[in-house]
PDB file of N, CA and C in Angstrom:
ATOM      1  N   MET A   1       0.835  -1.182   0.000  1.00  0.00           N
ATOM      2  CA  MET A   1       0.000   0.000   0.000  1.00  0.00           C
ATOM      3  C   MET A   1       0.873   1.234   0.000  1.00  0.00           C
ATOM      4  N   LYS A   2       0.483   2.226  -0.782  1.00  0.00           N
ATOM      5  CA  LYS A   2       1.208   3.473  -0.847  1.00  0.00           C
ATOM      6  C   LYS A   2       1.066   4.214   0.476  1.00  0.00           C
ATOM      7  N   GLU A   3       2.182   4.725   1.001  1.00  0.00           N
ATOM      8  CA  GLU A   3       2.149   5.473   2.247  1.00  0.00           C
ATOM      9  C   GLU A   3       1.590   6.871   1.987  1.00  0.00           C
ATOM     10  N   ILE A   4       0.702   7.336   2.861  1.00  0.00           N
ATOM     11  CA  ILE A   4       0.066   8.642   2.707  1.00  0.00           C
ATOM     12  C   ILE A   4       0.511   9.544   3.850  1.00  0.00           C
ATOM     13  N   GLU A   5       0.997  10.729   3.517  1.00  0.00           N
ATOM     14  CA  GLU A   5       1.347  11.719   4.524  1.00  0.00           C
ATOM     15  C   GLU A   5       0.056  12.401   4.960  1.00  0.00           C
ATOM     16  N   LEU A   6      -0.362  12.177   6.197  1.00  0.00           N
ATOM     17  CA  LEU A   6      -1.653  12.676   6.663  1.00  0.00           C
ATOM     18  C   LEU A   6      -1.746  14.198   6.619  1.00  0.00           C
ATOM     19  N   ALA A   7      -0.638  14.880   6.841  1.00  0.00           N
ATOM     20  CA  ALA A   7      -0.674  16.343   6.866  1.00  0.00           C
ATOM     21  C   ALA A   7      -1.015  16.933   5.505  1.00  0.00           C
ATOM     22  N   THR A   8      -0.715  16.209   4.438  1.00  0.00           N
ATOM     23  CA  THR A   8      -0.953  16.733   3.090  1.00  0.00           C
ATOM     24  C   THR A   8      -1.995  15.918   2.326  1.00  0.00           C
ATOM     25  N   ALA A   9      -2.687  15.016   3.007  1.00  0.00           N
ATOM     26  CA  ALA A   9      -3.676  14.165   2.339  1.00  0.00           C
ATOM     27  C   ALA A   9      -4.857  15.000   1.849  1.00  0.00           C
ATOM     28  N   THR A  10      -5.419  14.575   0.733  1.00  0.00           N
ATOM     29  CA  THR A  10      -6.611  15.223   0.190  1.00  0.00           C
ATOM     30  C   THR A  10      -7.702  14.187   0.033  1.00  0.00           C
ATOM     31  N   LYS A  11      -8.916  14.648  -0.286  1.00  0.00           N
ATOM     32  CA  LYS A  11     -10.004  13.697  -0.484  1.00  0.00           C
ATOM     33  C   LYS A  11      -9.662  12.696  -1.569  1.00  0.00           C
ATOM     34  N   SER A  12      -8.948  13.131  -2.605  1.00  0.00           N
ATOM     35  CA  SER A  12      -8.619  12.209  -3.692  1.00  0.00           C
ATOM     36  C   SER A  12      -7.629  11.141  -3.251  1.00  0.00           C
ATOM     37  N   THR A  13      -6.771  11.437  -2.272  1.00  0.00           N
ATOM     38  CA  THR A  13      -5.827  10.425  -1.792  1.00  0.00           C
ATOM     39  C   THR A  13      -6.435   9.539  -0.724  1.00  0.00           C
ATOM     40  N   LEU A  14      -7.504  10.005  -0.083  1.00  0.00           N
ATOM     41  CA  LEU A  14      -8.115   9.232   0.993  1.00  0.00           C
ATOM     42  C   LEU A  14      -9.257   8.344   0.518  1.00  0.00           C
ATOM     43  N   GLY A  15      -9.991   8.771  -0.506  1.00  0.00           N
ATOM     44  CA  GLY A  15     -11.229   8.089  -0.831  1.00  0.00           C
ATOM     45  C   GLY A  15     -11.252   7.403  -2.172  1.00  0.00           C
ATOM     46  N   LYS A  16     -10.289   6.553  -2.459  1.00  0.00           N
ATOM     47  CA  LYS A  16     -10.228   5.901  -3.762  1.00  0.00           C
ATOM     48  C   LYS A  16     -11.110   4.667  -3.875  1.00  0.00           C
ATOM     49  N   LYS A  17     -11.440   4.043  -2.756  1.00  0.00           N
ATOM     50  CA  LYS A  17     -12.241   2.815  -2.794  1.00  0.00           C
ATOM     51  C   LYS A  17     -13.650   3.108  -2.308  1.00  0.00           C
ATOM     52  N   PRO A  18     -14.633   2.366  -2.826  1.00  0.00           N
ATOM     53  CA  PRO A  18     -16.004   2.572  -2.322  1.00  0.00           C
ATOM     54  C   PRO A  18     -16.087   2.172  -0.854  1.00  0.00           C
ATOM     55  N   LYS A  19     -16.901   2.881  -0.122  1.00  0.00           N
ATOM     56  CA  LYS A  19     -17.050   2.627   1.308  1.00  0.00           C
ATOM     57  C   LYS A  19     -18.359   1.890   1.581  1.00  0.00           C
ATOM     58  N   GLN A  20     -18.359   1.123   2.654  1.00  0.00           N
ATOM     59  CA  GLN A  20     -19.563   0.433   3.110  1.00  0.00           C
ATOM     60  C   GLN A  20     -19.883   0.959   4.498  1.00  0.00           C
ATOM     61  N   GLN A  21     -21.084   1.449   4.685  1.00  0.00           N
ATOM     62  CA  GLN A  21     -21.484   1.962   5.981  1.00  0.00           C
ATOM     63  C   GLN A  21     -21.773   0.804   6.929  1.00  0.00           C
ATOM     64  N   VAL A  22     -21.217   0.894   8.149  1.00  0.00           N
ATOM     65  CA  VAL A  22     -21.448  -0.108   9.181  1.00  0.00           C
ATOM     66  C   VAL A  22     -21.712   0.607  10.499  1.00  0.00           C
ATOM     67  N   THR A  23     -22.303  -0.112  11.422  1.00  0.00           N
ATOM     68  CA  THR A  23     -22.485   0.392  12.772  1.00  0.00           C
ATOM     69  C   THR A  23     -21.514  -0.351  13.669  1.00  0.00           C
ATOM     70  N   ILE A  24     -20.757   0.404  14.452  1.00  0.00           N
ATOM     71  CA  ILE A  24     -19.766  -0.205  15.330  1.00  0.00           C
ATOM     72  C   ILE A  24     -19.714   0.591  16.625  1.00  0.00           C
ATOM     73  N   LYS A  25     -19.567  -0.093  17.734  1.00  0.00           N
ATOM     74  CA  LYS A  25     -19.451   0.579  19.025  1.00  0.00           C
ATOM     75  C   LYS A  25     -17.965   0.734  19.349  1.00  0.00           C
ATOM     76  N   ILE A  26     -17.566   1.972  19.578  1.00  0.00           N
ATOM     77  CA  ILE A  26     -16.167   2.292  19.879  1.00  0.00           C
ATOM     78  C   ILE A  26     -16.140   3.078  21.184  1.00  0.00           C
ATOM     79  N   ASP A  27     -15.194   2.769  22.056  1.00  0.00           N
ATOM     80  CA  ASP A  27     -15.072   3.469  23.333  1.00  0.00           C
ATOM     81  C   ASP A  27     -14.988   4.975  23.126  1.00  0.00           C
ATOM     82  N   ALA A  28     -15.616   5.721  24.031  1.00  0.00           N
ATOM     83  CA  ALA A  28     -15.634   7.187  23.948  1.00  0.00           C
ATOM     84  C   ALA A  28     -14.222   7.769  23.950  1.00  0.00           C
ATOM     85  N   ASP A  29     -13.313   7.201  24.737  1.00  0.00           N
ATOM     86  CA  ASP A  29     -11.931   7.697  24.778  1.00  0.00           C
ATOM     87  C   ASP A  29     -11.235   7.536  23.427  1.00  0.00           C
ATOM     88  N   THR A  30     -11.548   6.463  22.736  1.00  0.00           N
ATOM     89  CA  THR A  30     -10.956   6.221  21.421  1.00  0.00           C
ATOM     90  C   THR A  30     -11.480   7.224  20.410  1.00  0.00           C
ATOM     91  N   ILE A  31     -12.768   7.506  20.451  1.00  0.00           N
ATOM     92  CA  ILE A  31     -13.349   8.500  19.552  1.00  0.00           C
ATOM     93  C   ILE A  31     -12.748   9.872  19.843  1.00  0.00           C
ATOM     94  N   THR A  32     -12.605  10.205  21.115  1.00  0.00           N
ATOM     95  CA  THR A  32     -11.995  11.483  21.493  1.00  0.00           C
ATOM     96  C   THR A  32     -10.578  11.591  20.944  1.00  0.00           C
ATOM     97  N   TYR A  33      -9.815  10.510  21.034  1.00  0.00           N
ATOM     98  CA  TYR A  33      -8.446  10.494  20.499  1.00  0.00           C
ATOM     99  C   TYR A  33      -8.447  10.816  19.007  1.00  0.00           C
ATOM    100  N   PHE A  34      -9.305  10.135  18.242  1.00  0.00           N
ATOM    101  CA  PHE A  34      -9.335  10.352  16.801  1.00  0.00           C
ATOM    102  C   PHE A  34      -9.891  11.731  16.447  1.00  0.00           C
ATOM    103  N   LYS A  35     -10.806  12.264  17.242  1.00  0.00           N
ATOM    104  CA  LYS A  35     -11.326  13.608  16.985  1.00  0.00           C
ATOM    105  C   LYS A  35     -10.248  14.660  17.215  1.00  0.00           C
ATOM    106  N   LYS A  36      -9.426  14.486  18.255  1.00  0.00           N
ATOM    107  CA  LYS A  36      -8.311  15.418  18.495  1.00  0.00           C
ATOM    108  C   LYS A  36      -7.291  15.317  17.364  1.00  0.00           C
ATOM    109  N   LEU A  37      -6.992  14.104  16.939  1.00  0.00           N
ATOM    110  CA  LEU A  37      -6.080  13.905  15.816  1.00  0.00           C
ATOM    111  C   LEU A  37      -6.655  14.550  14.558  1.00  0.00           C
ATOM    112  N   SER A  38      -7.960  14.472  14.404  1.00  0.00           N
ATOM    113  CA  SER A  38      -8.651  15.072  13.269  1.00  0.00           C
ATOM    114  C   SER A  38      -8.474  16.590  13.264  1.00  0.00           C
ATOM    115  N   GLN A  39      -8.591  17.203  14.425  1.00  0.00           N
ATOM    116  CA  GLN A  39      -8.426  18.653  14.523  1.00  0.00           C
ATOM    117  C   GLN A  39      -7.018  19.078  14.131  1.00  0.00           C
ATOM    118  N   ARG A  40      -6.022  18.291  14.516  1.00  0.00           N
ATOM    119  CA  ARG A  40      -4.623  18.621  14.189  1.00  0.00           C
ATOM    120  C   ARG A  40      -4.315  18.386  12.719  1.00  0.00           C
ATOM    121  N   SER A  41      -4.902  17.344  12.147  1.00  0.00           N
ATOM    122  CA  SER A  41      -4.563  16.965  10.777  1.00  0.00           C
ATOM    123  C   SER A  41      -5.488  17.574   9.733  1.00  0.00           C
ATOM    124  N   GLY A  42      -6.710  17.957  10.156  1.00  0.00           N
ATOM    125  CA  GLY A  42      -7.684  18.479   9.201  1.00  0.00           C
ATOM    126  C   GLY A  42      -8.397  17.394   8.410  1.00  0.00           C
ATOM    127  N   ILE A  43      -8.235  16.151   8.829  1.00  0.00           N
ATOM    128  CA  ILE A  43      -8.868  15.010   8.164  1.00  0.00           C
ATOM    129  C   ILE A  43     -10.011  14.535   9.059  1.00  0.00           C
ATOM    130  N   PRO A  44     -11.202  14.293   8.511  1.00  0.00           N
ATOM    131  CA  PRO A  44     -12.317  13.828   9.340  1.00  0.00           C
ATOM    132  C   PRO A  44     -11.936  12.580  10.149  1.00  0.00           C
ATOM    133  N   TYR A  45     -12.437  12.531  11.389  1.00  0.00           N
ATOM    134  CA  TYR A  45     -12.026  11.430  12.260  1.00  0.00           C
ATOM    135  C   TYR A  45     -12.437  10.070  11.715  1.00  0.00           C
ATOM    136  N   GLN A  46     -13.568  10.006  11.002  1.00  0.00           N
ATOM    137  CA  GLN A  46     -13.986   8.726  10.423  1.00  0.00           C
ATOM    138  C   GLN A  46     -12.963   8.267   9.378  1.00  0.00           C
ATOM    139  N   SER A  47     -12.428   9.208   8.627  1.00  0.00           N
ATOM    140  CA  SER A  47     -11.407   8.878   7.624  1.00  0.00           C
ATOM    141  C   SER A  47     -10.130   8.399   8.285  1.00  0.00           C
ATOM    142  N   LEU A  48      -9.768   9.029   9.408  1.00  0.00           N
ATOM    143  CA  LEU A  48      -8.561   8.601  10.129  1.00  0.00           C
ATOM    144  C   LEU A  48      -8.713   7.182  10.658  1.00  0.00           C
ATOM    145  N   ILE A  49      -9.887   6.869  11.209  1.00  0.00           N
ATOM    146  CA  ILE A  49     -10.137   5.508  11.692  1.00  0.00           C
ATOM    147  C   ILE A  49     -10.056   4.530  10.525  1.00  0.00           C
ATOM    148  N   ASN A  50     -10.655   4.901   9.397  1.00  0.00           N
ATOM    149  CA  ASN A  50     -10.605   4.044   8.214  1.00  0.00           C
ATOM    150  C   ASN A  50      -9.159   3.842   7.746  1.00  0.00           C
ATOM    151  N   LEU A  51      -8.370   4.916   7.727  1.00  0.00           N
ATOM    152  CA  LEU A  51      -6.962   4.797   7.320  1.00  0.00           C
ATOM    153  C   LEU A  51      -6.202   3.843   8.233  1.00  0.00           C
ATOM    154  N   TYR A  52      -6.440   3.957   9.539  1.00  0.00           N
ATOM    155  CA  TYR A  52      -5.759   3.082  10.483  1.00  0.00           C
ATOM    156  C   TYR A  52      -6.156   1.623  10.280  1.00  0.00           C
ATOM    157  N   LEU A  53      -7.453   1.377  10.154  1.00  0.00           N
ATOM    158  CA  LEU A  53      -7.925   0.004   9.953  1.00  0.00           C
ATOM    159  C   LEU A  53      -7.460  -0.557   8.614  1.00  0.00           C
ATOM    160  N   THR A  54      -7.433   0.284   7.585  1.00  0.00           N
ATOM    161  CA  THR A  54      -6.936  -0.146   6.276  1.00  0.00           C
ATOM    162  C   THR A  54      -5.470  -0.540   6.363  1.00  0.00           C
ATOM    163  N   ASP A  55      -4.679   0.247   7.098  1.00  0.00           N
ATOM    164  CA  ASP A  55      -3.261  -0.078   7.286  1.00  0.00           C
ATOM    165  C   ASP A  55      -3.108  -1.416   8.000  1.00  0.00           C
ATOM    166  N   CYS A  56      -3.930  -1.637   9.027  1.00  0.00           N
ATOM    167  CA  CYS A  56      -3.875  -2.920   9.747  1.00  0.00           C
ATOM    168  C   CYS A  56      -4.197  -4.085   8.814  1.00  0.00           C
ATOM    169  N   ALA A  57      -5.253  -3.938   8.008  1.00  0.00           N
ATOM    170  CA  ALA A  57      -5.666  -5.020   7.106  1.00  0.00           C
ATOM    171  C   ALA A  57      -4.631  -5.240   6.004  1.00  0.00           C
ATOM    172  N   THR A  58      -4.127  -4.147   5.431  1.00  0.00           N
ATOM    173  CA  THR A  58      -3.161  -4.261   4.338  1.00  0.00           C
ATOM    174  C   THR A  58      -1.878  -4.942   4.794  1.00  0.00           C
ATOM    175  N   ASN A  59      -1.452  -4.593   6.000  1.00  0.00           N
ATOM    176  CA  ASN A  59      -0.202  -5.148   6.528  1.00  0.00           C
ATOM    177  C   ASN A  59      -0.414  -6.404   7.363  1.00  0.00           C
ATOM    178  N   LYS A  60      -1.664  -6.900   7.346  1.00  0.00           N
ATOM    179  CA  LYS A  60      -2.017  -8.136   8.053  1.00  0.00           C
ATOM    180  C   LYS A  60      -1.561  -8.123   9.509  1.00  0.00           C
ATOM    181  N   LYS A  61      -1.779  -6.971  10.165  1.00  0.00           N
ATOM    182  CA  LYS A  61      -1.434  -6.860  11.575  1.00  0.00           C
ATOM    183  C   LYS A  61      -2.410  -7.684  12.389  1.00  0.00           C
ATOM    184  N   GLU A  62      -1.886  -8.384  13.367  1.00  0.00           N
ATOM    185  CA  GLU A  62      -2.724  -9.200  14.247  1.00  0.00           C
ATOM    186  C   GLU A  62      -2.609  -8.691  15.662  1.00  0.00           C
ATOM    187  N   LEU A  63      -3.730  -8.674  16.347  1.00  0.00           N
ATOM    188  CA  LEU A  63      -3.771  -8.227  17.729  1.00  0.00           C
ATOM    189  C   LEU A  63      -3.089  -9.256  18.626  1.00  0.00           C
ATOM    190  N   TYR A  64      -2.219  -8.787  19.478  1.00  0.00           N
ATOM    191  CA  TYR A  64      -1.567  -9.655  20.458  1.00  0.00           C
ATOM    192  C   TYR A  64      -2.007  -9.183  21.833  1.00  0.00           C
ATOM    193  N   MET A  65      -2.716 -10.032  22.539  1.00  0.00           N
ATOM    194  CA  MET A  65      -3.188  -9.686  23.879  1.00  0.00           C
ATOM    195  C   MET A  65      -2.841 -10.800  24.847  1.00  0.00           C
ATOM    196  N   VAL A  66      -2.502 -10.397  26.049  1.00  0.00           N
ATOM    197  CA  VAL A  66      -2.270 -11.351  27.120  1.00  0.00           C
ATOM    198  C   VAL A  66      -3.235 -10.993  28.236  1.00  0.00           C
ATOM    199  N   TRP A  67      -4.147 -11.900  28.560  1.00  0.00           N
ATOM    200  CA  TRP A  67      -5.117 -11.663  29.621  1.00  0.00           C
ATOM    201  C   TRP A  67      -4.509 -12.072  30.953  1.00  0.00           C
ATOM    202  N   LYS A  68      -4.678 -11.235  31.945  1.00  0.00           N
ATOM    203  CA  LYS A  68      -4.148 -11.539  33.292  1.00  0.00           C
ATOM    204  C   LYS A  68      -5.228 -12.103  34.161  1.00  0.00           C
TER     205      LYS A  68
END
């Protein structure tokens, strides 16, 4: 996947693939984090979440958790 510089990203660089609307429950603290990041970057927080999840899927990142 091509790396995108978030500070200079435009709608054309962010929205090349069709989107599917879904309903998902996300912790309020996580939404607040992405909204603050959105204010700094000028990119809508939903787009930032999508970019992060796309990066995880593209790079086949797997969650590693250890329960205590």
